[in-house]
N, C-alpha and C. Protein backbone atom coordinates (compact mmCIF):
# COMPACT_ATOMS: atom_id res chain seq x y z
N MET A 1 19.41 -56.49 -72.63
CA MET A 1 19.48 -54.92 -72.71
C MET A 1 18.17 -54.82 -72.13
N ASN A 2 17.21 -55.21 -72.84
CA ASN A 2 15.98 -54.92 -72.29
C ASN A 2 16.00 -55.18 -70.69
N THR A 3 16.69 -56.38 -70.43
CA THR A 3 16.45 -57.01 -69.07
C THR A 3 16.74 -55.62 -68.08
N LEU A 4 17.99 -55.54 -68.53
CA LEU A 4 18.54 -53.94 -67.97
C LEU A 4 17.83 -52.98 -67.51
N ARG A 5 16.86 -52.43 -68.64
CA ARG A 5 15.91 -51.52 -68.44
C ARG A 5 14.96 -51.71 -67.94
N ILE A 6 14.40 -52.90 -67.68
CA ILE A 6 13.31 -53.33 -66.78
C ILE A 6 13.89 -53.26 -65.13
N LEU A 7 14.68 -53.63 -64.82
CA LEU A 7 15.61 -53.64 -63.49
C LEU A 7 15.70 -52.45 -63.19
N THR A 8 15.88 -51.33 -64.26
CA THR A 8 16.77 -49.97 -63.71
C THR A 8 15.00 -49.05 -63.35
N ALA A 9 14.15 -49.41 -64.06
CA ALA A 9 12.93 -48.64 -64.21
C ALA A 9 12.49 -49.21 -62.83
N ALA A 10 12.73 -50.25 -62.32
CA ALA A 10 11.86 -51.05 -61.21
C ALA A 10 13.08 -50.27 -59.75
N ALA A 11 14.08 -50.28 -60.22
CA ALA A 11 14.90 -49.46 -59.33
C ALA A 11 14.44 -48.13 -59.00
N THR A 12 14.39 -47.37 -60.26
CA THR A 12 13.50 -46.27 -60.03
C THR A 12 12.63 -45.78 -59.60
N ALA A 13 11.58 -46.71 -59.67
CA ALA A 13 10.13 -46.87 -58.94
C ALA A 13 10.14 -47.06 -57.51
N SER A 14 10.86 -47.74 -57.20
CA SER A 14 10.91 -48.08 -55.60
C SER A 14 11.62 -47.20 -55.08
N ALA A 15 12.65 -46.69 -55.71
CA ALA A 15 13.47 -45.17 -54.95
C ALA A 15 12.56 -44.18 -54.64
N ALA A 16 11.79 -43.96 -55.76
CA ALA A 16 10.63 -42.93 -55.96
C ALA A 16 9.76 -43.08 -54.44
N SER A 17 9.16 -44.68 -54.35
CA SER A 17 8.18 -44.88 -53.40
C SER A 17 8.91 -44.98 -52.15
N ALA A 18 9.89 -44.57 -51.67
CA ALA A 18 10.98 -44.35 -50.67
C ALA A 18 10.63 -42.72 -50.00
N PHE A 19 10.28 -42.00 -50.70
CA PHE A 19 10.04 -40.43 -50.67
C PHE A 19 9.02 -40.10 -51.07
N THR A 20 7.76 -41.05 -50.75
CA THR A 20 6.48 -40.38 -50.84
C THR A 20 6.34 -39.49 -49.74
N ILE A 21 5.25 -38.06 -50.41
CA ILE A 21 5.37 -37.30 -48.97
C ILE A 21 4.31 -37.58 -48.50
N GLN A 22 4.26 -37.93 -46.87
CA GLN A 22 3.13 -38.00 -46.49
C GLN A 22 2.00 -36.72 -46.53
N PRO A 23 0.65 -36.96 -45.86
CA PRO A 23 0.19 -36.27 -45.91
C PRO A 23 0.29 -35.34 -44.48
N PRO A 24 -0.42 -34.09 -44.46
CA PRO A 24 0.32 -33.15 -43.19
C PRO A 24 -0.07 -33.82 -42.02
N SER A 25 0.59 -33.88 -40.60
CA SER A 25 -0.35 -34.34 -39.60
C SER A 25 -1.25 -33.45 -38.82
N THR A 26 -2.55 -33.99 -38.28
CA THR A 26 -3.35 -33.14 -37.62
C THR A 26 -3.29 -33.04 -36.25
N SER A 27 -1.74 -33.50 -35.84
CA SER A 27 -1.69 -32.95 -34.55
C SER A 27 -1.44 -31.73 -34.01
N THR A 28 -1.11 -30.83 -34.95
CA THR A 28 -1.41 -29.31 -34.81
C THR A 28 -2.96 -28.97 -33.87
N THR A 29 -3.93 -29.30 -35.00
CA THR A 29 -5.02 -29.44 -35.05
C THR A 29 -5.85 -29.45 -33.44
N SER A 30 -5.60 -30.84 -33.87
CA SER A 30 -5.66 -31.03 -32.23
C SER A 30 -4.86 -30.56 -31.55
N THR A 31 -3.91 -30.26 -30.83
CA THR A 31 -3.63 -28.95 -29.92
C THR A 31 -3.97 -27.64 -29.63
N GLN A 32 -4.65 -27.23 -30.84
CA GLN A 32 -5.00 -25.98 -31.31
C GLN A 32 -6.65 -26.43 -30.48
N LEU A 33 -7.11 -27.59 -30.81
CA LEU A 33 -8.45 -27.74 -30.30
C LEU A 33 -8.56 -27.92 -28.68
N HIS A 34 -7.64 -28.36 -28.33
CA HIS A 34 -7.24 -28.49 -26.87
C HIS A 34 -7.40 -27.52 -25.96
N MET A 35 -6.15 -26.57 -26.63
CA MET A 35 -5.92 -25.31 -26.18
C MET A 35 -6.76 -24.62 -25.75
N GLY A 36 -8.34 -24.39 -27.38
CA GLY A 36 -8.77 -23.52 -27.36
C GLY A 36 -10.24 -24.05 -26.15
N LEU A 37 -10.21 -25.61 -25.92
CA LEU A 37 -11.14 -25.51 -24.87
C LEU A 37 -10.82 -25.10 -23.41
N PHE A 38 -9.31 -25.03 -23.22
CA PHE A 38 -9.00 -25.07 -21.79
C PHE A 38 -8.98 -23.21 -21.51
N ASP A 39 -9.01 -22.55 -23.04
CA ASP A 39 -9.24 -21.24 -23.25
C ASP A 39 -10.66 -20.70 -22.50
N GLY A 40 -11.54 -22.10 -23.27
CA GLY A 40 -12.78 -21.53 -23.25
C GLY A 40 -13.30 -21.80 -21.79
N VAL A 41 -12.75 -22.63 -21.01
CA VAL A 41 -12.99 -23.09 -19.20
C VAL A 41 -12.51 -21.56 -18.84
N LYS A 42 -11.25 -21.09 -18.92
CA LYS A 42 -10.75 -19.66 -18.11
C LYS A 42 -12.05 -19.05 -18.78
N ASP A 43 -12.29 -18.44 -19.88
CA ASP A 43 -13.42 -17.32 -20.45
C ASP A 43 -14.76 -17.84 -19.24
N ALA A 44 -15.04 -18.84 -19.07
CA ALA A 44 -16.02 -19.15 -18.79
C ALA A 44 -15.85 -18.61 -17.20
N PHE A 45 -14.91 -19.13 -16.07
CA PHE A 45 -14.72 -18.85 -14.95
C PHE A 45 -14.35 -17.38 -14.86
N ALA A 46 -13.97 -16.70 -16.05
CA ALA A 46 -13.45 -15.35 -15.36
C ALA A 46 -14.47 -13.98 -15.80
N ALA A 47 -16.09 -14.87 -15.24
CA ALA A 47 -16.65 -13.52 -15.64
C ALA A 47 -16.54 -12.74 -15.05
N PRO A 48 -17.30 -11.74 -14.71
CA PRO A 48 -16.59 -10.47 -13.98
C PRO A 48 -16.96 -10.06 -12.49
N ALA A 49 -18.02 -11.16 -12.37
CA ALA A 49 -18.45 -11.40 -10.68
C ALA A 49 -17.33 -12.41 -10.15
N VAL A 50 -16.62 -13.33 -10.87
CA VAL A 50 -15.52 -14.14 -10.06
C VAL A 50 -14.38 -13.20 -10.32
N GLU A 51 -14.09 -12.14 -11.44
CA GLU A 51 -12.47 -11.48 -11.10
C GLU A 51 -12.64 -10.60 -9.88
N ARG A 52 -13.90 -10.13 -9.08
CA ARG A 52 -14.17 -9.30 -8.42
C ARG A 52 -13.93 -10.04 -6.78
N SER A 53 -14.35 -11.49 -6.88
CA SER A 53 -13.56 -12.67 -5.65
C SER A 53 -12.11 -12.27 -4.97
N SER A 54 -12.40 -12.53 -3.81
CA SER A 54 -11.28 -12.63 -3.50
C SER A 54 -11.16 -13.41 -2.49
N ILE A 55 -9.67 -14.11 -2.37
CA ILE A 55 -9.26 -15.39 -1.57
C ILE A 55 -8.08 -14.68 -0.45
N ASP A 56 -7.96 -15.64 0.53
CA ASP A 56 -6.98 -15.21 2.12
C ASP A 56 -5.44 -15.43 0.91
N SER A 57 -4.38 -15.12 1.24
CA SER A 57 -3.29 -15.06 0.47
C SER A 57 -2.74 -16.31 0.91
N GLU A 58 -2.82 -16.89 2.11
CA GLU A 58 -2.68 -18.13 2.04
C GLU A 58 -3.19 -19.13 1.96
N ARG A 59 -3.85 -19.20 1.34
CA ARG A 59 -5.02 -20.34 0.21
C ARG A 59 -4.89 -19.92 -1.02
N GLU A 60 -3.76 -19.03 -1.62
CA GLU A 60 -3.59 -18.85 -3.14
C GLU A 60 -3.47 -20.20 -3.39
N THR A 61 -3.64 -20.69 -4.90
CA THR A 61 -2.42 -21.50 -5.86
C THR A 61 -2.30 -21.02 -7.24
N PRO A 62 -1.71 -21.70 -7.74
CA PRO A 62 -1.26 -21.60 -9.10
C PRO A 62 -2.11 -21.26 -10.35
N ILE A 63 -3.32 -21.91 -10.18
CA ILE A 63 -4.66 -21.67 -10.71
C ILE A 63 -5.18 -20.49 -10.47
N ASP A 64 -5.07 -19.85 -9.04
CA ASP A 64 -5.55 -18.99 -8.72
C ASP A 64 -4.89 -17.30 -9.63
N ARG A 65 -3.92 -17.70 -9.57
CA ARG A 65 -2.97 -16.95 -10.08
C ARG A 65 -3.33 -16.71 -11.83
N TRP A 66 -3.21 -17.95 -12.16
CA TRP A 66 -3.70 -18.13 -13.74
C TRP A 66 -5.10 -17.35 -14.44
N MET A 67 -6.02 -17.57 -13.24
CA MET A 67 -7.39 -16.83 -13.49
C MET A 67 -7.53 -15.86 -13.15
N GLY A 68 -6.25 -15.14 -12.79
CA GLY A 68 -6.54 -13.61 -12.45
C GLY A 68 -7.45 -13.49 -11.29
N TRP A 69 -7.59 -14.27 -9.99
CA TRP A 69 -8.43 -14.08 -9.24
C TRP A 69 -7.92 -13.15 -8.04
N SER A 70 -8.17 -11.88 -7.69
CA SER A 70 -7.18 -10.98 -6.75
C SER A 70 -7.27 -12.11 -5.29
N VAL A 71 -6.23 -11.30 -4.55
CA VAL A 71 -5.76 -12.09 -3.33
C VAL A 71 -6.16 -10.82 -1.85
N VAL A 72 -6.56 -11.13 -1.15
CA VAL A 72 -6.43 -9.64 0.19
C VAL A 72 -4.85 -9.78 0.94
N SER A 73 -4.57 -9.12 0.93
CA SER A 73 -3.17 -9.15 1.48
C SER A 73 -3.77 -9.22 3.06
N GLU A 74 -2.42 -9.75 4.16
CA GLU A 74 -2.78 -9.25 5.50
C GLU A 74 -3.18 -7.71 5.92
N ASN A 75 -2.41 -7.03 5.00
CA ASN A 75 -2.29 -5.38 5.24
C ASN A 75 -4.09 -5.15 4.70
N ASP A 76 -4.55 -5.44 3.95
CA ASP A 76 -5.89 -5.00 3.37
C ASP A 76 -6.81 -5.62 4.54
N LYS A 77 -6.79 -6.95 4.95
CA LYS A 77 -7.90 -7.50 5.96
C LYS A 77 -7.42 -6.89 7.38
N ALA A 78 -6.67 -6.37 7.78
CA ALA A 78 -5.84 -5.56 9.05
C ALA A 78 -6.80 -4.08 8.73
N GLN A 79 -6.98 -3.62 7.30
CA GLN A 79 -7.76 -2.14 7.11
C GLN A 79 -9.14 -2.26 7.44
N GLN A 80 -9.51 -3.45 6.78
CA GLN A 80 -11.23 -4.12 6.63
C GLN A 80 -11.57 -3.93 8.23
N GLN A 81 -10.60 -5.07 9.32
CA GLN A 81 -11.14 -5.00 10.64
C GLN A 81 -10.87 -4.05 11.04
N ALA A 82 -10.19 -3.13 11.18
CA ALA A 82 -9.96 -1.95 12.18
C ALA A 82 -11.03 -1.24 11.79
N ALA A 83 -11.57 -0.65 10.17
CA ALA A 83 -12.16 0.07 9.76
C ALA A 83 -14.00 -0.04 10.27
N MET A 84 -13.61 -1.44 10.64
CA MET A 84 -15.11 -1.62 11.75
C MET A 84 -15.47 -1.51 12.69
N THR A 85 -14.23 -1.48 13.88
CA THR A 85 -14.34 -1.11 14.90
C THR A 85 -14.61 0.45 15.01
N PRO A 86 -15.61 0.93 16.49
CA PRO A 86 -15.92 2.49 16.10
C PRO A 86 -14.88 3.23 16.78
N ASP A 87 -13.63 3.04 17.51
CA ASP A 87 -12.52 3.84 17.99
C ASP A 87 -11.41 4.37 16.67
N PHE A 88 -11.51 3.51 15.66
CA PHE A 88 -10.76 3.70 14.60
C PHE A 88 -10.44 5.17 13.53
N VAL A 89 -9.03 5.33 13.93
CA VAL A 89 -9.19 7.01 13.08
C VAL A 89 -7.88 6.86 12.06
N ASP A 90 -8.40 7.25 11.05
CA ASP A 90 -7.74 7.11 9.81
C ASP A 90 -6.74 7.79 9.20
N ALA A 91 -5.30 7.33 9.46
CA ALA A 91 -4.29 8.12 9.53
C ALA A 91 -4.21 8.68 8.05
N MET A 92 -4.98 8.51 7.13
CA MET A 92 -4.75 8.85 6.07
C MET A 92 -5.66 9.40 5.35
N ASP A 93 -6.67 10.27 6.07
CA ASP A 93 -7.44 11.14 6.33
C ASP A 93 -6.80 12.40 6.91
N GLU A 94 -6.87 13.31 5.73
CA GLU A 94 -6.45 14.80 6.58
C GLU A 94 -7.48 15.50 7.79
N SER A 95 -8.54 15.14 7.40
CA SER A 95 -9.52 15.90 8.29
C SER A 95 -9.46 15.30 9.83
N ASN A 96 -8.36 13.94 10.08
CA ASN A 96 -7.91 13.86 11.48
C ASN A 96 -6.32 14.74 11.89
N TYR A 97 -6.09 15.62 11.08
CA TYR A 97 -5.07 16.31 11.55
C TYR A 97 -5.24 17.80 11.84
N VAL A 98 -4.22 18.17 13.03
CA VAL A 98 -4.12 20.01 13.19
C VAL A 98 -3.08 20.25 13.49
N SER A 99 -3.11 21.60 12.99
CA SER A 99 -1.92 22.19 12.89
C SER A 99 -2.22 23.95 13.98
N VAL A 100 -0.41 23.94 14.70
CA VAL A 100 -0.55 25.24 15.33
C VAL A 100 0.71 26.07 15.16
N ASP A 101 0.70 27.12 15.17
CA ASP A 101 1.61 27.98 14.98
C ASP A 101 2.16 28.91 16.25
N LEU A 102 3.24 28.69 17.19
CA LEU A 102 3.04 28.76 18.36
C LEU A 102 4.61 29.29 18.89
N GLU A 103 4.03 30.49 19.73
CA GLU A 103 5.59 31.15 20.05
C GLU A 103 6.02 29.87 21.15
N LYS A 104 7.86 29.90 21.45
CA LYS A 104 8.10 29.39 22.60
C LYS A 104 8.32 30.11 23.76
N PRO A 105 8.23 29.59 24.80
CA PRO A 105 7.93 28.13 25.28
C PRO A 105 6.26 28.15 25.20
N MET A 106 6.29 26.62 24.92
CA MET A 106 4.90 26.56 24.33
C MET A 106 4.36 26.15 25.47
N GLY A 107 4.59 25.37 26.45
CA GLY A 107 3.94 24.61 27.62
C GLY A 107 3.18 23.34 27.25
N ILE A 108 4.16 22.70 25.93
CA ILE A 108 3.58 21.34 26.37
C ILE A 108 4.24 20.45 26.62
N VAL A 109 3.85 19.19 27.29
CA VAL A 109 4.96 18.50 28.13
C VAL A 109 4.74 17.35 26.82
N PHE A 110 6.01 16.54 26.35
CA PHE A 110 5.83 15.64 25.16
C PHE A 110 6.37 14.03 25.97
N GLU A 111 5.38 12.96 25.84
CA GLU A 111 5.95 11.75 26.14
C GLU A 111 6.22 11.21 24.76
N GLU A 112 7.94 9.99 24.88
CA GLU A 112 7.88 9.23 24.08
C GLU A 112 6.68 8.05 23.65
N ASN A 113 6.19 7.51 22.52
CA ASN A 113 5.30 6.38 22.50
C ASN A 113 5.83 4.99 22.98
N ASP A 114 5.72 4.48 22.62
CA ASP A 114 6.57 2.44 23.26
C ASP A 114 7.41 2.78 22.13
N SER A 115 8.47 1.82 22.23
CA SER A 115 9.34 1.26 21.31
C SER A 115 8.98 0.92 19.94
N GLU A 116 8.20 0.15 19.87
CA GLU A 116 7.93 -0.24 18.64
C GLU A 116 7.46 0.20 17.95
N PHE A 117 6.71 1.97 18.19
CA PHE A 117 6.38 2.91 17.03
C PHE A 117 7.12 4.04 17.34
N GLY A 118 7.81 4.38 17.83
CA GLY A 118 8.52 5.65 18.00
C GLY A 118 7.60 6.86 18.33
N GLY A 119 8.55 7.99 18.02
CA GLY A 119 7.59 9.06 18.14
C GLY A 119 7.54 10.01 19.39
N ILE A 120 6.71 11.15 19.31
CA ILE A 120 6.41 11.82 20.58
C ILE A 120 4.95 12.18 20.14
N PHE A 121 4.21 12.09 21.49
CA PHE A 121 2.99 12.98 21.61
C PHE A 121 2.82 13.88 22.80
N VAL A 122 1.37 14.25 22.62
CA VAL A 122 0.95 15.68 23.50
C VAL A 122 0.77 14.89 25.03
N GLN A 123 1.61 14.67 26.23
CA GLN A 123 1.21 14.12 27.46
C GLN A 123 0.54 14.94 28.33
N SER A 124 0.69 16.42 28.17
CA SER A 124 -0.33 17.03 28.82
C SER A 124 0.12 18.59 28.56
N LEU A 125 -0.55 19.94 28.94
CA LEU A 125 -0.30 20.89 28.38
C LEU A 125 -0.36 21.95 30.00
N LYS A 126 0.44 22.50 30.02
CA LYS A 126 0.86 22.98 31.03
C LYS A 126 -0.03 24.37 31.13
N GLU A 127 -0.79 24.39 32.48
CA GLU A 127 -2.00 25.24 32.50
C GLU A 127 -1.67 26.92 32.25
N GLY A 128 -2.55 27.33 31.33
CA GLY A 128 -1.95 29.10 31.25
C GLY A 128 -0.81 29.14 30.29
N GLY A 129 -0.35 27.89 29.95
CA GLY A 129 0.52 28.03 28.94
C GLY A 129 0.19 28.37 27.63
N VAL A 130 0.78 28.81 26.68
CA VAL A 130 1.01 28.86 25.20
C VAL A 130 0.07 28.40 24.11
N ALA A 131 0.26 26.69 24.56
CA ALA A 131 -0.55 25.79 24.04
C ALA A 131 -2.10 25.99 24.38
N ASP A 132 -2.15 26.16 25.74
CA ASP A 132 -3.05 25.73 26.60
C ASP A 132 -4.34 27.24 26.50
N ILE A 133 -3.08 28.30 26.75
CA ILE A 133 -4.43 29.20 25.52
C ILE A 133 -5.03 29.16 24.16
N ASN A 134 -3.64 28.83 23.56
CA ASN A 134 -4.44 28.73 22.01
C ASN A 134 -5.76 27.85 21.84
N GLY A 135 -5.93 26.73 22.91
CA GLY A 135 -6.86 25.58 22.76
C GLY A 135 -7.23 24.65 22.03
N VAL A 136 -6.03 24.47 20.61
CA VAL A 136 -6.17 23.58 19.67
C VAL A 136 -5.91 22.55 20.05
N LEU A 137 -4.34 22.16 20.61
CA LEU A 137 -3.81 20.92 21.27
C LEU A 137 -4.85 19.50 21.85
N GLN A 138 -4.67 19.00 22.07
CA GLN A 138 -5.94 17.77 23.03
C GLN A 138 -4.49 16.67 23.34
N GLU A 139 -4.44 16.49 24.75
CA GLU A 139 -3.40 15.13 25.12
C GLU A 139 -3.86 14.00 24.20
N GLY A 140 -2.74 13.64 24.09
CA GLY A 140 -2.40 12.19 23.18
C GLY A 140 -2.58 12.28 21.74
N ASP A 141 -2.46 13.70 21.30
CA ASP A 141 -2.03 14.21 19.94
C ASP A 141 -0.93 14.02 19.49
N GLN A 142 -0.40 12.82 18.04
CA GLN A 142 0.91 12.84 17.75
C GLN A 142 1.76 13.49 16.85
N LEU A 143 2.46 13.91 17.32
CA LEU A 143 3.83 14.78 16.98
C LEU A 143 3.92 14.73 15.63
N VAL A 144 3.82 15.11 14.23
CA VAL A 144 4.10 14.26 13.06
C VAL A 144 5.32 15.58 11.98
N ALA A 145 4.91 16.46 12.42
CA ALA A 145 6.49 17.61 12.05
C ALA A 145 6.36 18.88 12.59
N VAL A 146 7.40 19.45 11.98
CA VAL A 146 7.88 20.63 12.83
C VAL A 146 8.64 21.32 11.86
N ASN A 147 7.03 22.61 11.37
CA ASN A 147 7.51 23.52 10.48
C ASN A 147 7.40 22.40 9.17
N GLU A 148 8.73 22.23 8.44
CA GLU A 148 8.39 21.81 7.04
C GLU A 148 9.21 20.33 7.30
N MET A 149 9.33 19.70 8.79
CA MET A 149 10.45 18.76 9.11
C MET A 149 9.40 17.63 9.59
N LYS A 150 9.53 16.65 8.94
CA LYS A 150 8.82 15.27 9.41
C LYS A 150 9.47 14.63 10.60
N VAL A 151 9.30 14.57 11.52
CA VAL A 151 9.67 14.05 12.76
C VAL A 151 9.10 12.76 13.59
N SER A 152 7.95 12.61 12.29
CA SER A 152 7.35 11.31 13.35
C SER A 152 8.09 10.04 12.97
N GLY A 153 8.43 9.43 14.12
CA GLY A 153 8.95 7.74 14.39
C GLY A 153 10.10 8.25 14.69
N LEU A 154 10.97 9.66 15.05
CA LEU A 154 11.75 9.78 15.78
C LEU A 154 11.89 9.78 17.35
N ALA A 155 13.34 9.40 17.46
CA ALA A 155 13.20 9.34 19.12
C ALA A 155 12.89 10.65 19.78
N PHE A 156 12.99 10.42 21.13
CA PHE A 156 12.46 11.40 22.02
C PHE A 156 13.29 12.81 21.55
N ASP A 157 14.68 12.51 21.82
CA ASP A 157 15.78 13.80 22.09
C ASP A 157 15.56 14.47 20.31
N ASP A 158 15.57 13.70 19.09
CA ASP A 158 15.43 13.67 18.10
C ASP A 158 14.20 15.18 17.57
N ALA A 159 13.23 14.65 18.39
CA ALA A 159 11.86 14.87 17.65
C ALA A 159 11.78 16.40 18.11
N LEU A 160 11.98 16.10 19.59
CA LEU A 160 11.93 17.28 20.55
C LEU A 160 12.38 18.41 20.41
N GLY A 161 14.07 18.20 19.48
CA GLY A 161 15.54 18.81 19.44
C GLY A 161 14.55 19.57 18.35
N ALA A 162 13.83 19.14 17.27
CA ALA A 162 13.31 19.72 15.89
C ALA A 162 12.59 21.33 16.50
N ILE A 163 11.99 21.11 17.80
CA ILE A 163 11.17 22.14 18.15
C ILE A 163 12.20 23.10 18.79
N ILE A 164 13.36 22.89 19.21
CA ILE A 164 14.17 23.49 20.26
C ILE A 164 14.86 24.59 19.19
N ASP A 165 15.19 23.82 18.25
CA ASP A 165 16.18 24.40 16.99
C ASP A 165 15.49 25.04 16.25
N SER A 166 14.47 25.27 16.23
CA SER A 166 13.77 25.91 15.10
C SER A 166 13.88 27.22 15.48
N GLU A 167 13.82 28.47 14.35
CA GLU A 167 14.27 29.62 14.44
C GLU A 167 12.73 30.48 14.04
N GLY A 168 12.70 31.50 14.35
CA GLY A 168 11.65 32.63 14.16
C GLY A 168 10.71 32.79 15.27
N GLU A 169 10.01 33.64 15.36
CA GLU A 169 8.57 34.10 16.28
C GLU A 169 7.49 32.67 16.66
N THR A 170 7.54 32.18 15.57
CA THR A 170 6.69 30.77 16.02
C THR A 170 7.52 29.99 15.31
N THR A 171 6.62 28.78 15.79
CA THR A 171 6.96 27.25 14.97
C THR A 171 5.88 26.76 14.87
N LYS A 172 5.55 26.23 13.73
CA LYS A 172 4.40 25.67 13.27
C LYS A 172 4.76 23.83 13.50
N LEU A 173 3.36 23.17 14.40
CA LEU A 173 3.29 21.86 14.59
C LEU A 173 2.56 21.11 13.61
N LEU A 174 2.46 20.28 13.32
CA LEU A 174 1.41 19.09 12.69
C LEU A 174 1.47 18.06 13.20
N LEU A 175 0.20 17.71 14.09
CA LEU A 175 -0.52 16.69 14.65
C LEU A 175 -1.41 16.03 14.08
N PHE A 176 -1.48 14.72 14.73
CA PHE A 176 -2.36 13.56 14.03
C PHE A 176 -2.57 13.39 15.58
N ARG A 177 -4.28 13.72 15.02
CA ARG A 177 -5.41 13.15 16.56
C ARG A 177 -5.89 12.19 16.43
N GLY A 178 -4.94 11.14 17.16
CA GLY A 178 -5.70 9.26 17.35
C GLY A 178 -4.48 9.02 17.69
N THR A 179 -4.58 7.62 18.08
CA THR A 179 -3.62 7.29 19.00
C THR A 179 -2.14 6.21 17.92
N SER A 180 -1.16 6.10 18.85
CA SER A 180 -0.05 5.83 18.02
C SER A 180 -0.19 4.21 17.14
N LYS A 181 -0.87 3.89 17.61
CA LYS A 181 -1.61 2.49 16.99
C LYS A 181 -1.95 2.69 15.76
N ASP A 182 -3.04 4.08 15.36
CA ASP A 182 -3.49 4.14 14.59
C ASP A 182 -2.77 5.18 13.50
N PHE A 183 -1.86 5.51 13.98
CA PHE A 183 -0.73 6.00 13.25
C PHE A 183 0.63 5.59 12.65
N TYR A 184 1.17 4.81 13.33
CA TYR A 184 2.27 3.91 13.43
C TYR A 184 1.84 2.26 13.00
N GLY A 185 0.58 1.75 13.67
CA GLY A 185 0.27 0.34 13.49
C GLY A 185 0.28 0.20 12.01
N LYS A 186 -0.59 -1.13 11.58
CA LYS A 186 -0.71 -1.94 10.43
C LYS A 186 -1.88 -1.47 9.44
N THR A 187 -2.80 -0.74 9.87
CA THR A 187 -3.72 0.47 9.40
C THR A 187 -3.76 1.75 9.31
N GLY A 188 -2.16 2.67 9.72
CA GLY A 188 -1.36 3.62 9.51
C GLY A 188 -1.64 3.81 8.21
N ALA A 189 -1.42 5.30 8.14
CA ALA A 189 -0.56 5.90 6.89
C ALA A 189 0.48 5.31 6.61
N SER A 190 1.20 5.38 5.23
CA SER A 190 1.97 4.86 4.41
C SER A 190 3.38 5.99 4.60
N GLN A 191 4.33 5.42 4.89
CA GLN A 191 5.37 6.85 4.81
C GLN A 191 5.27 7.64 3.61
N ALA A 192 5.14 7.21 1.98
CA ALA A 192 4.98 7.78 1.27
C ALA A 192 4.34 8.63 1.40
N TRP A 193 2.89 8.14 1.98
CA TRP A 193 1.99 9.34 1.86
C TRP A 193 2.14 10.31 3.46
N VAL A 194 2.55 10.32 3.94
CA VAL A 194 3.68 10.71 5.21
C VAL A 194 4.06 11.78 4.55
N ASP A 195 5.50 11.24 4.12
CA ASP A 195 6.06 12.57 3.15
C ASP A 195 5.55 13.85 2.11
N GLU A 196 4.95 12.70 1.27
CA GLU A 196 4.00 13.67 0.41
C GLU A 196 3.30 14.87 1.08
N PHE A 197 2.35 14.33 2.30
CA PHE A 197 1.47 15.21 3.24
C PHE A 197 2.86 16.24 3.92
N VAL A 198 3.30 16.19 4.40
CA VAL A 198 4.31 17.19 5.28
C VAL A 198 4.74 18.01 4.36
N ALA A 199 5.38 17.33 2.83
CA ALA A 199 5.94 18.41 1.73
C ALA A 199 5.24 19.36 1.39
N LYS A 200 3.86 19.20 1.55
CA LYS A 200 2.97 20.33 1.28
C LYS A 200 2.42 21.11 2.41
N GLY A 201 2.58 20.87 3.39
CA GLY A 201 2.30 21.75 4.42
C GLY A 201 1.56 20.91 4.93
N GLY A 202 0.98 19.87 4.98
CA GLY A 202 0.04 19.36 6.01
C GLY A 202 -1.29 20.02 5.68
N VAL A 203 -1.93 20.62 6.65
CA VAL A 203 -3.24 20.97 6.69
C VAL A 203 -2.52 22.74 7.43
N GLU A 204 -3.87 23.46 6.98
CA GLU A 204 -3.98 24.80 7.89
C GLU A 204 -4.04 25.03 9.20
N VAL A 205 -2.81 26.22 9.57
CA VAL A 205 -3.17 26.16 10.92
C VAL A 205 -4.50 26.46 11.37
N SER A 206 -4.81 25.61 12.49
CA SER A 206 -6.25 26.11 13.10
C SER A 206 -6.44 27.25 13.80
N ALA A 207 -7.25 27.75 13.88
CA ALA A 207 -7.90 28.69 14.53
C ALA A 207 -8.16 28.69 15.92
N PRO A 208 -7.13 29.64 16.86
CA PRO A 208 -7.43 29.29 18.20
C PRO A 208 -8.90 29.05 18.93
N ALA A 209 -8.91 28.49 19.71
CA ALA A 209 -10.31 28.19 20.12
C ALA A 209 -10.63 29.46 20.93
N GLN A 210 -12.21 29.27 20.75
CA GLN A 210 -12.50 30.53 21.32
C GLN A 210 -12.91 30.21 22.85
N THR A 211 -12.37 31.24 23.64
CA THR A 211 -12.56 30.99 24.89
C THR A 211 -13.53 32.09 25.63
N GLU A 212 -14.31 31.65 26.59
CA GLU A 212 -15.30 32.49 26.92
C GLU A 212 -14.97 33.25 28.47
C-alpha cells in the first residue's frame, strides 16, 4: 500500500513538472527595441531641413516616400524653368488679362492656334474698326471667353460662332495677353482655374485707350 502511494505521488510530481509555466519571452521587448531604433533613425533624418528637400520624380525610391521627402513633378520643374525665362507670361495671373465690350462688327481678324493647343487669337485689327478705335486689343491676344462663355481651346468655327451668336448691343470679350504656349502649354493655367476665372466674370472691362 505504501509502495502504491509513493508511485502515485511520483507520478503527480512528474505531471506537474510537465506543465511548469515558463518565464515570459523577451522577444517582444527585443522587437520594440529594434523598432525604436529605426524610428530614431527616421526622426533624425526627418529634420525640417530634410523635409523641405526635393528630388526628381524619376529618382524616387520607397525609402523617399517612407521618409516623407518631397518629389518635384515634371510640371513643377517646367514652371520653375519657364519662370526663369524673360518672356514667360503667367496665365494664372489676372493682371495678364484684358477685357473689352465692343459693338459688332468689331473689326477683328481672328486666327486659329496650332492644333496641339486649339482656340483662336487676334491676328490683326481692321484699321478704323471698332476694336482698333477702342485701342485695347493687341495682335496675339488669346480669346478666352465671350460674355460668360468659355471658348478657350475650341475649334475656330465654334469660338468665332460664340461672338456671332451673341446678343445685345455689345459683346464682352476676355483675352489673355500672352502666347498660346503660355496659356495652353505645360506652364499654362489649369482648366479649373480658367473655369473659376470665367465664371466670376474675368477682369473688369478695360477703358478705351486715349487717342491723340
